[in-house]
Amino acid sequence: AMTLRHIRIFLAVCDNGCNVTRAAEALYMAQPAVSAAIRELEEEYGVRLFDRLSRRFYITEAGKRFYEYASRMASLYSDMEREMRSWEIGR
């Protein structure tokens, strides 16, 4: 099943120029774990989010659409975290 962790990994790959190694460094993760998470997302939805050409990743049309949803979801989650953490106990 897709998790917020998958979404964050996908966004990190996109935001690091579709570079898995750079994304892994930014996330303090091992590169194979990042690749595995992307593969899990692709298997979950039955779409290719990236084309892989000579060890480089290129985002597909499906990947671009997924990016739109993923960024909205990550942003919404951040809003929720901020709101809940600032909530006064007993309010």
Protein backbone atom coordinates (compact mmCIF):
# COMPACT_ATOMS: atom_id res chain seq x y z
CA ALA A 1 0.00 0.00 0.00
CA MET A 2 1.09 3.54 -0.69
CA THR A 3 2.22 5.55 2.33
CA LEU A 4 3.23 9.12 3.00
CA ARG A 5 6.82 7.82 3.03
CA HIS A 6 6.40 6.70 -0.62
CA ILE A 7 5.07 10.13 -1.54
CA ARG A 8 7.96 11.93 0.15
CA ILE A 9 10.49 9.69 -1.59
CA PHE A 10 8.84 10.24 -4.98
CA LEU A 11 8.83 14.03 -4.44
CA ALA A 12 12.48 13.97 -3.37
CA VAL A 13 13.46 12.14 -6.56
CA CYS A 14 11.57 14.72 -8.66
CA ASP A 15 12.91 17.68 -6.69
CA ASN A 16 16.48 16.41 -7.08
CA GLY A 17 16.39 16.44 -10.88
CA CYS A 18 15.08 12.85 -11.13
CA ASN A 19 18.37 11.76 -9.57
CA VAL A 20 17.92 8.79 -7.22
CA THR A 21 21.40 9.13 -5.68
CA ARG A 22 20.87 12.81 -4.81
CA ALA A 23 17.37 12.06 -3.48
CA ALA A 24 18.79 9.30 -1.27
CA GLU A 25 21.40 11.69 0.12
CA ALA A 26 18.77 14.37 0.79
CA LEU A 27 16.60 11.81 2.63
CA TYR A 28 19.52 10.16 4.49
CA MET A 29 18.50 6.86 2.91
CA ALA A 30 20.29 4.14 1.00
CA GLN A 31 19.89 4.49 -2.76
CA PRO A 32 18.40 0.96 -3.21
CA ALA A 33 15.66 1.81 -0.67
CA VAL A 34 14.69 4.88 -2.72
CA SER A 35 14.59 2.82 -5.94
CA ALA A 36 12.52 0.14 -4.18
CA ALA A 37 9.96 2.70 -2.98
CA ILE A 38 9.54 4.06 -6.52
CA ARG A 39 9.14 0.52 -7.86
CA GLU A 40 6.49 -0.20 -5.18
CA LEU A 41 4.52 2.88 -6.24
CA GLU A 42 4.69 1.83 -9.89
CA GLU A 43 3.52 -1.67 -9.01
CA GLU A 44 0.72 -0.33 -6.79
CA TYR A 45 -0.79 1.72 -9.64
CA GLY A 46 0.41 -0.28 -12.62
CA VAL A 47 2.05 2.76 -14.24
CA ARG A 48 5.61 3.86 -14.93
CA LEU A 49 6.37 7.08 -13.10
CA PHE A 50 9.84 7.29 -14.63
CA ASP A 51 11.50 6.00 -17.77
CA ARG A 52 14.93 4.60 -17.05
CA LEU A 53 17.48 5.25 -19.78
CA SER A 54 21.16 4.44 -19.22
CA ARG A 55 20.77 4.62 -15.42
CA ARG A 56 19.03 8.02 -15.62
CA PHE A 57 15.43 8.66 -14.63
CA TYR A 58 13.06 10.74 -16.76
CA ILE A 59 9.58 11.54 -15.45
CA THR A 60 6.68 10.18 -17.54
CA GLU A 61 3.29 11.83 -18.15
CA ALA A 62 1.82 9.60 -15.41
CA GLY A 63 4.67 10.72 -13.15
CA LYS A 64 3.83 14.37 -13.80
CA ARG A 65 0.18 13.79 -12.87
CA PHE A 66 1.24 11.85 -9.77
CA TYR A 67 3.56 14.72 -8.81
CA GLU A 68 0.61 17.13 -8.76
CA TYR A 69 -1.34 14.92 -6.35
CA ALA A 70 1.73 14.00 -4.29
CA SER A 71 2.73 17.62 -3.71
CA ARG A 72 -0.83 18.58 -2.70
CA MET A 73 -0.99 15.64 -0.29
CA ALA A 74 2.41 16.38 1.26
CA SER A 75 1.47 20.03 1.66
CA LEU A 76 -1.90 19.16 3.22
CA TYR A 77 -0.17 16.78 5.63
CA SER A 78 2.28 19.53 6.67
CA ASP A 79 -0.64 21.89 7.29
CA MET A 80 -2.34 19.26 9.48
CA GLU A 81 0.85 18.64 11.48
CA ARG A 82 1.36 22.37 12.09
CA GLU A 83 -2.26 22.89 13.11
CA MET A 84 -2.41 19.87 15.44
CA ARG A 85 0.93 20.64 17.10
CA SER A 86 -0.16 24.20 17.82
CA TRP A 87 -3.48 23.05 19.29
CA GLU A 88 -3.86 23.89 22.95
CA ILE A 89 -4.43 20.91 25.24
CA GLY A 90 -7.88 21.13 26.77
CA ARG A 91 -9.20 23.60 24.18
